[in-house]
Amino acid sequence: MSSTMSLNKAKILYSSEGRYGHVHYRSSEASFAMYYEYGGGDCVACIDIPDSQKWQAHTGLPLERRDAVLDFIGQQVVKDQTTGGRGSFRIEKNWLNIYSARQ
């Protein structure tokens, strides 16, 4: 199965505990959660992502899929959690930061 096909079938779900929670990635090949907390200013949320050394152990996915999966997650969270899906995201160190506007 190609990475594009599996990402087309992937879903992002959310669980919240007030000002923090988890972003859940679900696909036919993997299921994992990443901690998030609400940001400040233009930053809507900060999602803690596993670094490259911990990626495979945390996600069950090969390291070479990391960029594509994080891109998918970032795009979907922006679509779901920003006004009209007009926000943006950036990976900054081990955080996938979601912004309310284009950066």
PDB file of N, CA and C in Angstrom:
ATOM      1  N   MET A   1       0.849  -1.180   0.000  1.00  0.00           N
ATOM      2  CA  MET A   1       0.000   0.000   0.000  1.00  0.00           C
ATOM      3  C   MET A   1       0.889   1.235   0.000  1.00  0.00           C
ATOM      4  N   SER A   2       0.604   2.166  -0.853  1.00  0.00           N
ATOM      5  CA  SER A   2       1.426   3.372  -0.924  1.00  0.00           C
ATOM      6  C   SER A   2       1.121   4.291   0.240  1.00  0.00           C
ATOM      7  N   SER A   3       2.072   5.165   0.572  1.00  0.00           N
ATOM      8  CA  SER A   3       1.871   6.090   1.683  1.00  0.00           C
ATOM      9  C   SER A   3       0.730   7.057   1.398  1.00  0.00           C
ATOM     10  N   THR A   4       0.511   7.426   0.142  1.00  0.00           N
ATOM     11  CA  THR A   4      -0.586   8.326  -0.203  1.00  0.00           C
ATOM     12  C   THR A   4      -1.917   7.647   0.063  1.00  0.00           C
ATOM     13  N   MET A   5      -2.052   6.382  -0.319  1.00  0.00           N
ATOM     14  CA  MET A   5      -3.299   5.668  -0.080  1.00  0.00           C
ATOM     15  C   MET A   5      -3.594   5.567   1.404  1.00  0.00           C
ATOM     16  N   SER A   6      -2.606   5.194   2.208  1.00  0.00           N
ATOM     17  CA  SER A   6      -2.854   5.031   3.638  1.00  0.00           C
ATOM     18  C   SER A   6      -3.169   6.366   4.297  1.00  0.00           C
ATOM     19  N   LEU A   7      -2.563   7.451   3.854  1.00  0.00           N
ATOM     20  CA  LEU A   7      -2.875   8.757   4.431  1.00  0.00           C
ATOM     21  C   LEU A   7      -4.278   9.200   4.046  1.00  0.00           C
ATOM     22  N   ASN A   8      -4.760   8.791   2.867  1.00  0.00           N
ATOM     23  CA  ASN A   8      -6.126   9.135   2.477  1.00  0.00           C
ATOM     24  C   ASN A   8      -7.144   8.483   3.397  1.00  0.00           C
ATOM     25  N   LYS A   9      -6.808   7.353   3.977  1.00  0.00           N
ATOM     26  CA  LYS A   9      -7.722   6.641   4.873  1.00  0.00           C
ATOM     27  C   LYS A   9      -7.476   6.988   6.338  1.00  0.00           C
ATOM     28  N   ALA A  10      -6.489   7.788   6.635  1.00  0.00           N
ATOM     29  CA  ALA A  10      -6.165   8.144   8.015  1.00  0.00           C
ATOM     30  C   ALA A  10      -7.196   9.136   8.556  1.00  0.00           C
ATOM     31  N   LYS A  11      -7.373   9.103   9.874  1.00  0.00           N
ATOM     32  CA  LYS A  11      -8.283  10.013  10.556  1.00  0.00           C
ATOM     33  C   LYS A  11      -7.554  10.664  11.719  1.00  0.00           C
ATOM     34  N   ILE A  12      -7.978  11.872  12.024  1.00  0.00           N
ATOM     35  CA  ILE A  12      -7.478  12.577  13.199  1.00  0.00           C
ATOM     36  C   ILE A  12      -8.663  12.777  14.142  1.00  0.00           C
ATOM     37  N   LEU A  13      -8.484  12.390  15.384  1.00  0.00           N
ATOM     38  CA  LEU A  13      -9.496  12.566  16.428  1.00  0.00           C
ATOM     39  C   LEU A  13      -8.875  13.369  17.562  1.00  0.00           C
ATOM     40  N   TYR A  14      -9.718  13.917  18.423  1.00  0.00           N
ATOM     41  CA  TYR A  14      -9.238  14.767  19.505  1.00  0.00           C
ATOM     42  C   TYR A  14      -9.878  14.357  20.828  1.00  0.00           C
ATOM     43  N   SER A  15      -9.093  14.427  21.892  1.00  0.00           N
ATOM     44  CA  SER A  15      -9.630  14.292  23.241  1.00  0.00           C
ATOM     45  C   SER A  15      -9.095  15.474  24.040  1.00  0.00           C
ATOM     46  N   SER A  16      -9.960  16.055  24.851  1.00  0.00           N
ATOM     47  CA  SER A  16      -9.594  17.285  25.553  1.00  0.00           C
ATOM     48  C   SER A  16      -9.763  17.134  27.059  1.00  0.00           C
ATOM     49  N   GLU A  17      -8.854  17.733  27.786  1.00  0.00           N
ATOM     50  CA  GLU A  17      -8.884  17.771  29.244  1.00  0.00           C
ATOM     51  C   GLU A  17      -8.737  19.227  29.688  1.00  0.00           C
ATOM     52  N   GLY A  18      -9.560  20.105  29.167  1.00  0.00           N
ATOM     53  CA  GLY A  18      -9.441  21.528  29.491  1.00  0.00           C
ATOM     54  C   GLY A  18      -8.454  22.196  28.552  1.00  0.00           C
ATOM     55  N   ARG A  19      -7.327  22.672  29.081  1.00  0.00           N
ATOM     56  CA  ARG A  19      -6.343  23.388  28.264  1.00  0.00           C
ATOM     57  C   ARG A  19      -5.322  22.472  27.604  1.00  0.00           C
ATOM     58  N   TYR A  20      -5.497  21.187  27.733  1.00  0.00           N
ATOM     59  CA  TYR A  20      -4.603  20.233  27.086  1.00  0.00           C
ATOM     60  C   TYR A  20      -5.400  19.002  26.663  1.00  0.00           C
ATOM     61  N   GLY A  21      -4.759  18.121  25.936  1.00  0.00           N
ATOM     62  CA  GLY A  21      -5.422  16.897  25.504  1.00  0.00           C
ATOM     63  C   GLY A  21      -4.522  16.103  24.585  1.00  0.00           C
ATOM     64  N   HIS A  22      -5.132  15.342  23.693  1.00  0.00           N
ATOM     65  CA  HIS A  22      -4.373  14.508  22.765  1.00  0.00           C
ATOM     66  C   HIS A  22      -4.964  14.579  21.368  1.00  0.00           C
ATOM     67  N   VAL A  23      -4.081  14.546  20.395  1.00  0.00           N
ATOM     68  CA  VAL A  23      -4.447  14.412  18.993  1.00  0.00           C
ATOM     69  C   VAL A  23      -4.191  12.941  18.669  1.00  0.00           C
ATOM     70  N   HIS A  24      -5.220  12.256  18.185  1.00  0.00           N
ATOM     71  CA  HIS A  24      -5.134  10.826  17.906  1.00  0.00           C
ATOM     72  C   HIS A  24      -5.077  10.596  16.398  1.00  0.00           C
ATOM     73  N   TYR A  25      -4.058   9.902  15.963  1.00  0.00           N
ATOM     74  CA  TYR A  25      -3.897   9.510  14.560  1.00  0.00           C
ATOM     75  C   TYR A  25      -4.362   8.070  14.442  1.00  0.00           C
ATOM     76  N   ARG A  26      -5.253   7.804  13.497  1.00  0.00           N
ATOM     77  CA  ARG A  26      -5.758   6.453  13.275  1.00  0.00           C
ATOM     78  C   ARG A  26      -5.699   6.132  11.783  1.00  0.00           C
ATOM     79  N   SER A  27      -5.088   5.011  11.451  1.00  0.00           N
ATOM     80  CA  SER A  27      -5.075   4.522  10.071  1.00  0.00           C
ATOM     81  C   SER A  27      -5.041   3.002  10.125  1.00  0.00           C
ATOM     82  N   SER A  28      -5.108   2.387   8.960  1.00  0.00           N
ATOM     83  CA  SER A  28      -5.062   0.924   8.916  1.00  0.00           C
ATOM     84  C   SER A  28      -3.705   0.374   9.352  1.00  0.00           C
ATOM     85  N   GLU A  29      -2.680   1.218   9.321  1.00  0.00           N
ATOM     86  CA  GLU A  29      -1.337   0.732   9.654  1.00  0.00           C
ATOM     87  C   GLU A  29      -0.808   1.205  11.003  1.00  0.00           C
ATOM     88  N   ALA A  30      -1.450   2.189  11.630  1.00  0.00           N
ATOM     89  CA  ALA A  30      -0.939   2.705  12.899  1.00  0.00           C
ATOM     90  C   ALA A  30      -2.020   3.455  13.660  1.00  0.00           C
ATOM     91  N   SER A  31      -1.827   3.502  14.956  1.00  0.00           N
ATOM     92  CA  SER A  31      -2.714   4.250  15.838  1.00  0.00           C
ATOM     93  C   SER A  31      -1.866   4.779  16.995  1.00  0.00           C
ATOM     94  N   PHE A  32      -1.851   6.100  17.169  1.00  0.00           N
ATOM     95  CA  PHE A  32      -1.073   6.678  18.248  1.00  0.00           C
ATOM     96  C   PHE A  32      -1.652   8.039  18.635  1.00  0.00           C
ATOM     97  N   ALA A  33      -1.243   8.523  19.790  1.00  0.00           N
ATOM     98  CA  ALA A  33      -1.714   9.820  20.274  1.00  0.00           C
ATOM     99  C   ALA A  33      -0.515  10.701  20.595  1.00  0.00           C
ATOM    100  N   MET A  34      -0.718  12.015  20.446  1.00  0.00           N
ATOM    101  CA  MET A  34       0.306  13.000  20.786  1.00  0.00           C
ATOM    102  C   MET A  34      -0.339  14.061  21.679  1.00  0.00           C
ATOM    103  N   TYR A  35       0.356  14.426  22.721  1.00  0.00           N
ATOM    104  CA  TYR A  35      -0.092  15.433  23.672  1.00  0.00           C
ATOM    105  C   TYR A  35      -0.148  16.804  23.005  1.00  0.00           C
ATOM    106  N   TYR A  36      -1.177  17.595  23.341  1.00  0.00           N
ATOM    107  CA  TYR A  36      -1.210  18.993  22.899  1.00  0.00           C
ATOM    108  C   TYR A  36      -1.617  19.880  24.060  1.00  0.00           C
ATOM    109  N   GLU A  37      -1.257  21.131  23.944  1.00  0.00           N
ATOM    110  CA  GLU A  37      -1.752  22.153  24.870  1.00  0.00           C
ATOM    111  C   GLU A  37      -2.080  23.393  24.054  1.00  0.00           C
ATOM    112  N   TYR A  38      -3.014  24.174  24.562  1.00  0.00           N
ATOM    113  CA  TYR A  38      -3.377  25.406  23.866  1.00  0.00           C
ATOM    114  C   TYR A  38      -2.217  26.380  23.905  1.00  0.00           C
ATOM    115  N   GLY A  39      -2.075  27.142  22.829  1.00  0.00           N
ATOM    116  CA  GLY A  39      -1.015  28.133  22.726  1.00  0.00           C
ATOM    117  C   GLY A  39      -1.503  29.494  23.167  1.00  0.00           C
ATOM    118  N   GLY A  40      -0.770  30.520  22.790  1.00  0.00           N
ATOM    119  CA  GLY A  40      -1.128  31.899  23.089  1.00  0.00           C
ATOM    120  C   GLY A  40      -0.906  32.762  21.864  1.00  0.00           C
ATOM    121  N   GLY A  41      -1.555  33.908  21.830  1.00  0.00           N
ATOM    122  CA  GLY A  41      -1.421  34.799  20.676  1.00  0.00           C
ATOM    123  C   GLY A  41      -1.966  34.139  19.429  1.00  0.00           C
ATOM    124  N   ASP A  42      -1.198  34.172  18.345  1.00  0.00           N
ATOM    125  CA  ASP A  42      -1.625  33.549  17.092  1.00  0.00           C
ATOM    126  C   ASP A  42      -1.490  32.032  17.101  1.00  0.00           C
ATOM    127  N   CYS A  43      -0.805  31.495  18.087  1.00  0.00           N
ATOM    128  CA  CYS A  43      -0.607  30.045  18.171  1.00  0.00           C
ATOM    129  C   CYS A  43      -1.819  29.421  18.871  1.00  0.00           C
ATOM    130  N   VAL A  44      -2.578  28.655  18.126  1.00  0.00           N
ATOM    131  CA  VAL A  44      -3.792  28.025  18.647  1.00  0.00           C
ATOM    132  C   VAL A  44      -3.446  26.848  19.556  1.00  0.00           C
ATOM    133  N   ALA A  45      -2.519  26.012  19.112  1.00  0.00           N
ATOM    134  CA  ALA A  45      -2.164  24.814  19.868  1.00  0.00           C
ATOM    135  C   ALA A  45      -0.740  24.385  19.537  1.00  0.00           C
ATOM    136  N   CYS A  46      -0.138  23.680  20.491  1.00  0.00           N
ATOM    137  CA  CYS A  46       1.216  23.130  20.343  1.00  0.00           C
ATOM    138  C   CYS A  46       1.111  21.620  20.560  1.00  0.00           C
ATOM    139  N   ILE A  47       1.457  20.853  19.536  1.00  0.00           N
ATOM    140  CA  ILE A  47       1.375  19.398  19.593  1.00  0.00           C
ATOM    141  C   ILE A  47       2.788  18.846  19.757  1.00  0.00           C
ATOM    142  N   ASP A  48       2.987  18.076  20.812  1.00  0.00           N
ATOM    143  CA  ASP A  48       4.292  17.480  21.101  1.00  0.00           C
ATOM    144  C   ASP A  48       4.492  16.271  20.181  1.00  0.00           C
ATOM    145  N   ILE A  49       5.501  16.337  19.322  1.00  0.00           N
ATOM    146  CA  ILE A  49       5.744  15.251  18.371  1.00  0.00           C
ATOM    147  C   ILE A  49       7.010  14.480  18.753  1.00  0.00           C
ATOM    148  N   PRO A  50       7.005  13.171  18.525  1.00  0.00           N
ATOM    149  CA  PRO A  50       8.196  12.378  18.840  1.00  0.00           C
ATOM    150  C   PRO A  50       9.363  12.769  17.934  1.00  0.00           C
ATOM    151  N   ASP A  51      10.543  12.896  18.526  1.00  0.00           N
ATOM    152  CA  ASP A  51      11.714  13.195  17.699  1.00  0.00           C
ATOM    153  C   ASP A  51      12.056  11.966  16.861  1.00  0.00           C
ATOM    154  N   SER A  52      12.992  12.131  15.957  1.00  0.00           N
ATOM    155  CA  SER A  52      13.297  11.057  15.012  1.00  0.00           C
ATOM    156  C   SER A  52      13.779   9.782  15.710  1.00  0.00           C
ATOM    157  N   GLN A  53      14.466   9.897  16.849  1.00  0.00           N
ATOM    158  CA  GLN A  53      14.943   8.710  17.563  1.00  0.00           C
ATOM    159  C   GLN A  53      13.789   7.928  18.187  1.00  0.00           C
ATOM    160  N   LYS A  54      12.701   8.604  18.550  1.00  0.00           N
ATOM    161  CA  LYS A  54      11.576   7.944  19.223  1.00  0.00           C
ATOM    162  C   LYS A  54      10.388   7.694  18.291  1.00  0.00           C
ATOM    163  N   TRP A  55      10.470   8.190  17.058  1.00  0.00           N
ATOM    164  CA  TRP A  55       9.334   8.133  16.139  1.00  0.00           C
ATOM    165  C   TRP A  55       8.777   6.719  15.968  1.00  0.00           C
ATOM    166  N   GLN A  56       9.598   5.771  15.560  1.00  0.00           N
ATOM    167  CA  GLN A  56       9.105   4.429  15.256  1.00  0.00           C
ATOM    168  C   GLN A  56       8.547   3.743  16.500  1.00  0.00           C
ATOM    169  N   ALA A  57       9.211   3.890  17.638  1.00  0.00           N
ATOM    170  CA  ALA A  57       8.713   3.268  18.867  1.00  0.00           C
ATOM    171  C   ALA A  57       7.368   3.862  19.291  1.00  0.00           C
ATOM    172  N   HIS A  58       7.193   5.168  19.121  1.00  0.00           N
ATOM    173  CA  HIS A  58       5.952   5.835  19.548  1.00  0.00           C
ATOM    174  C   HIS A  58       4.803   5.596  18.565  1.00  0.00           C
ATOM    175  N   THR A  59       5.098   5.595  17.267  1.00  0.00           N
ATOM    176  CA  THR A  59       4.036   5.555  16.260  1.00  0.00           C
ATOM    177  C   THR A  59       3.844   4.192  15.602  1.00  0.00           C
ATOM    178  N   GLY A  60       4.886   3.375  15.591  1.00  0.00           N
ATOM    179  CA  GLY A  60       4.827   2.119  14.854  1.00  0.00           C
ATOM    180  C   GLY A  60       5.047   2.298  13.365  1.00  0.00           C
ATOM    181  N   LEU A  61       5.386   3.504  12.956  1.00  0.00           N
ATOM    182  CA  LEU A  61       5.619   3.803  11.541  1.00  0.00           C
ATOM    183  C   LEU A  61       7.109   4.004  11.289  1.00  0.00           C
ATOM    184  N   PRO A  62       7.586   3.654  10.099  1.00  0.00           N
ATOM    185  CA  PRO A  62       8.998   3.862   9.784  1.00  0.00           C
ATOM    186  C   PRO A  62       9.356   5.353   9.762  1.00  0.00           C
ATOM    187  N   LEU A  63      10.574   5.646  10.098  1.00  0.00           N
ATOM    188  CA  LEU A  63      11.052   7.030  10.156  1.00  0.00           C
ATOM    189  C   LEU A  63      10.884   7.748   8.817  1.00  0.00           C
ATOM    190  N   GLU A  64      11.042   7.038   7.705  1.00  0.00           N
ATOM    191  CA  GLU A  64      10.915   7.702   6.397  1.00  0.00           C
ATOM    192  C   GLU A  64       9.487   8.196   6.123  1.00  0.00           C
ATOM    193  N   ARG A  65       8.510   7.782   6.899  1.00  0.00           N
ATOM    194  CA  ARG A  65       7.137   8.265   6.751  1.00  0.00           C
ATOM    195  C   ARG A  65       6.846   9.482   7.635  1.00  0.00           C
ATOM    196  N   ARG A  66       7.774   9.834   8.514  1.00  0.00           N
ATOM    197  CA  ARG A  66       7.544  10.880   9.511  1.00  0.00           C
ATOM    198  C   ARG A  66       7.083  12.200   8.896  1.00  0.00           C
ATOM    199  N   ASP A  67       7.810  12.709   7.920  1.00  0.00           N
ATOM    200  CA  ASP A  67       7.461  14.011   7.333  1.00  0.00           C
ATOM    201  C   ASP A  67       6.067  14.004   6.707  1.00  0.00           C
ATOM    202  N   ALA A  68       5.741  12.949   5.975  1.00  0.00           N
ATOM    203  CA  ALA A  68       4.428  12.868   5.320  1.00  0.00           C
ATOM    204  C   ALA A  68       3.298  12.778   6.343  1.00  0.00           C
ATOM    205  N   VAL A  69       3.493  11.993   7.391  1.00  0.00           N
ATOM    206  CA  VAL A  69       2.459  11.840   8.415  1.00  0.00           C
ATOM    207  C   VAL A  69       2.281  13.151   9.186  1.00  0.00           C
ATOM    208  N   LEU A  70       3.369  13.801   9.551  1.00  0.00           N
ATOM    209  CA  LEU A  70       3.258  15.077  10.274  1.00  0.00           C
ATOM    210  C   LEU A  70       2.623  16.154   9.393  1.00  0.00           C
ATOM    211  N   ASP A  71       2.924  16.148   8.108  1.00  0.00           N
ATOM    212  CA  ASP A  71       2.292  17.085   7.187  1.00  0.00           C
ATOM    213  C   ASP A  71       0.778  16.830   7.137  1.00  0.00           C
ATOM    214  N   PHE A  72       0.380  15.575   7.045  1.00  0.00           N
ATOM    215  CA  PHE A  72      -1.037  15.221   7.043  1.00  0.00           C
ATOM    216  C   PHE A  72      -1.708  15.690   8.337  1.00  0.00           C
ATOM    217  N   ILE A  73      -1.090  15.391   9.469  1.00  0.00           N
ATOM    218  CA  ILE A  73      -1.661  15.788  10.759  1.00  0.00           C
ATOM    219  C   ILE A  73      -1.785  17.304  10.833  1.00  0.00           C
ATOM    220  N   GLY A  74      -0.737  18.024  10.479  1.00  0.00           N
ATOM    221  CA  GLY A  74      -0.774  19.483  10.519  1.00  0.00           C
ATOM    222  C   GLY A  74      -1.881  20.052   9.655  1.00  0.00           C
ATOM    223  N   GLN A  75      -2.005  19.566   8.425  1.00  0.00           N
ATOM    224  CA  GLN A  75      -3.049  20.060   7.519  1.00  0.00           C
ATOM    225  C   GLN A  75      -4.441  19.776   8.062  1.00  0.00           C
ATOM    226  N   GLN A  76      -4.636  18.575   8.606  1.00  0.00           N
ATOM    227  CA  GLN A  76      -5.958  18.210   9.105  1.00  0.00           C
ATOM    228  C   GLN A  76      -6.323  19.006  10.355  1.00  0.00           C
ATOM    229  N   VAL A  77      -5.377  19.200  11.261  1.00  0.00           N
ATOM    230  CA  VAL A  77      -5.659  19.976  12.473  1.00  0.00           C
ATOM    231  C   VAL A  77      -5.977  21.423  12.108  1.00  0.00           C
ATOM    232  N   VAL A  78      -5.243  22.002  11.175  1.00  0.00           N
ATOM    233  CA  VAL A  78      -5.545  23.363  10.716  1.00  0.00           C
ATOM    234  C   VAL A  78      -6.968  23.416  10.167  1.00  0.00           C
ATOM    235  N   LYS A  79      -7.317  22.459   9.338  1.00  0.00           N
ATOM    236  CA  LYS A  79      -8.662  22.415   8.754  1.00  0.00           C
ATOM    237  C   LYS A  79      -9.729  22.303   9.840  1.00  0.00           C
ATOM    238  N   ASP A  80      -9.490  21.456  10.820  1.00  0.00           N
ATOM    239  CA  ASP A  80     -10.479  21.189  11.871  1.00  0.00           C
ATOM    240  C   ASP A  80     -10.550  22.270  12.939  1.00  0.00           C
ATOM    241  N   GLN A  81      -9.424  22.914  13.248  1.00  0.00           N
ATOM    242  CA  GLN A  81      -9.357  23.725  14.460  1.00  0.00           C
ATOM    243  C   GLN A  81      -9.133  25.217  14.249  1.00  0.00           C
ATOM    244  N   THR A  82      -9.016  25.680  13.019  1.00  0.00           N
ATOM    245  CA  THR A  82      -8.874  27.117  12.792  1.00  0.00           C
ATOM    246  C   THR A  82     -10.097  27.630  12.038  1.00  0.00           C
ATOM    247  N   THR A  83     -10.407  28.887  12.194  1.00  0.00           N
ATOM    248  CA  THR A  83     -11.575  29.483  11.572  1.00  0.00           C
ATOM    249  C   THR A  83     -11.512  29.334  10.056  1.00  0.00           C
ATOM    250  N   GLY A  84     -12.479  28.612   9.526  1.00  0.00           N
ATOM    251  CA  GLY A  84     -12.538  28.401   8.085  1.00  0.00           C
ATOM    252  C   GLY A  84     -11.351  27.641   7.528  1.00  0.00           C
ATOM    253  N   GLY A  85     -10.560  26.999   8.385  1.00  0.00           N
ATOM    254  CA  GLY A  85      -9.388  26.267   7.918  1.00  0.00           C
ATOM    255  C   GLY A  85      -8.307  27.148   7.331  1.00  0.00           C
ATOM    256  N   ARG A  86      -8.326  28.430   7.703  1.00  0.00           N
ATOM    257  CA  ARG A  86      -7.395  29.391   7.099  1.00  0.00           C
ATOM    258  C   ARG A  86      -6.095  29.555   7.886  1.00  0.00           C
ATOM    259  N   GLY A  87      -5.861  28.705   8.843  1.00  0.00           N
ATOM    260  CA  GLY A  87      -4.646  28.818   9.630  1.00  0.00           C
ATOM    261  C   GLY A  87      -3.453  28.195   8.933  1.00  0.00           C
ATOM    262  N   SER A  88      -2.440  27.886   9.719  1.00  0.00           N
ATOM    263  CA  SER A  88      -1.227  27.276   9.186  1.00  0.00           C
ATOM    264  C   SER A  88      -0.560  26.476  10.296  1.00  0.00           C
ATOM    265  N   PHE A  89       0.473  25.747   9.935  1.00  0.00           N
ATOM    266  CA  PHE A  89       1.241  25.024  10.948  1.00  0.00           C
ATOM    267  C   PHE A  89       2.713  25.077  10.602  1.00  0.00           C
ATOM    268  N   ARG A  90       3.529  24.923  11.627  1.00  0.00           N
ATOM    269  CA  ARG A  90       4.986  24.842  11.472  1.00  0.00           C
ATOM    270  C   ARG A  90       5.520  23.827  12.458  1.00  0.00           C
ATOM    271  N   ILE A  91       6.513  23.081  12.023  1.00  0.00           N
ATOM    272  CA  ILE A  91       7.217  22.187  12.930  1.00  0.00           C
ATOM    273  C   ILE A  91       8.410  22.956  13.456  1.00  0.00           C
ATOM    274  N   GLU A  92       8.436  23.120  14.776  1.00  0.00           N
ATOM    275  CA  GLU A  92       9.497  23.867  15.442  1.00  0.00           C
ATOM    276  C   GLU A  92      10.064  22.983  16.551  1.00  0.00           C
ATOM    277  N   LYS A  93      11.256  22.449  16.287  1.00  0.00           N
ATOM    278  CA  LYS A  93      11.897  21.461  17.151  1.00  0.00           C
ATOM    279  C   LYS A  93      10.958  20.274  17.285  1.00  0.00           C
ATOM    280  N   ASN A  94      10.527  19.917  18.499  1.00  0.00           N
ATOM    281  CA  ASN A  94       9.640  18.766  18.678  1.00  0.00           C
ATOM    282  C   ASN A  94       8.194  19.184  18.891  1.00  0.00           C
ATOM    283  N   TRP A  95       7.825  20.303  18.295  1.00  0.00           N
ATOM    284  CA  TRP A  95       6.441  20.784  18.393  1.00  0.00           C
ATOM    285  C   TRP A  95       5.885  21.034  17.006  1.00  0.00           C
ATOM    286  N   LEU A  96       4.660  20.624  16.800  1.00  0.00           N
ATOM    287  CA  LEU A  96       3.912  20.964  15.600  1.00  0.00           C
ATOM    288  C   LEU A  96       2.950  22.057  16.071  1.00  0.00           C
ATOM    289  N   ASN A  97       3.257  23.295  15.716  1.00  0.00           N
ATOM    290  CA  ASN A  97       2.493  24.444  16.196  1.00  0.00           C
ATOM    291  C   ASN A  97       1.444  24.846  15.174  1.00  0.00           C
ATOM    292  N   ILE A  98       0.222  25.044  15.666  1.00  0.00           N
ATOM    293  CA  ILE A  98      -0.919  25.412  14.837  1.00  0.00           C
ATOM    294  C   ILE A  98      -1.193  26.901  15.039  1.00  0.00           C
ATOM    295  N   TYR A  99      -1.279  27.648  13.949  1.00  0.00           N
ATOM    296  CA  TYR A  99      -1.493  29.094  14.000  1.00  0.00           C
ATOM    297  C   TYR A  99      -2.842  29.454  13.404  1.00  0.00           C
ATOM    298  N   SER A 100      -3.448  30.510  13.936  1.00  0.00           N
ATOM    299  CA  SER A 100      -4.768  30.952  13.477  1.00  0.00           C
ATOM    300  C   SER A 100      -4.717  31.626  12.117  1.00  0.00           C
ATOM    301  N   ALA A 101      -3.564  32.058  11.695  1.00  0.00           N
ATOM    302  CA  ALA A 101      -3.401  32.730  10.415  1.00  0.00           C
ATOM    303  C   ALA A 101      -2.236  32.112   9.659  1.00  0.00           C
ATOM    304  N   ARG A 102      -2.103  32.447   8.412  1.00  0.00           N
ATOM    305  CA  ARG A 102      -0.965  31.969   7.605  1.00  0.00           C
ATOM    306  C   ARG A 102       0.309  32.584   8.154  1.00  0.00           C
ATOM    307  N   GLN A 103       1.340  31.787   8.266  1.00  0.00           N
ATOM    308  CA  GLN A 103       2.639  32.258   8.788  1.00  0.00           C
ATOM    309  C   GLN A 103       3.624  32.422   7.662  1.00  0.00           C
TER     310      GLN A 103
END
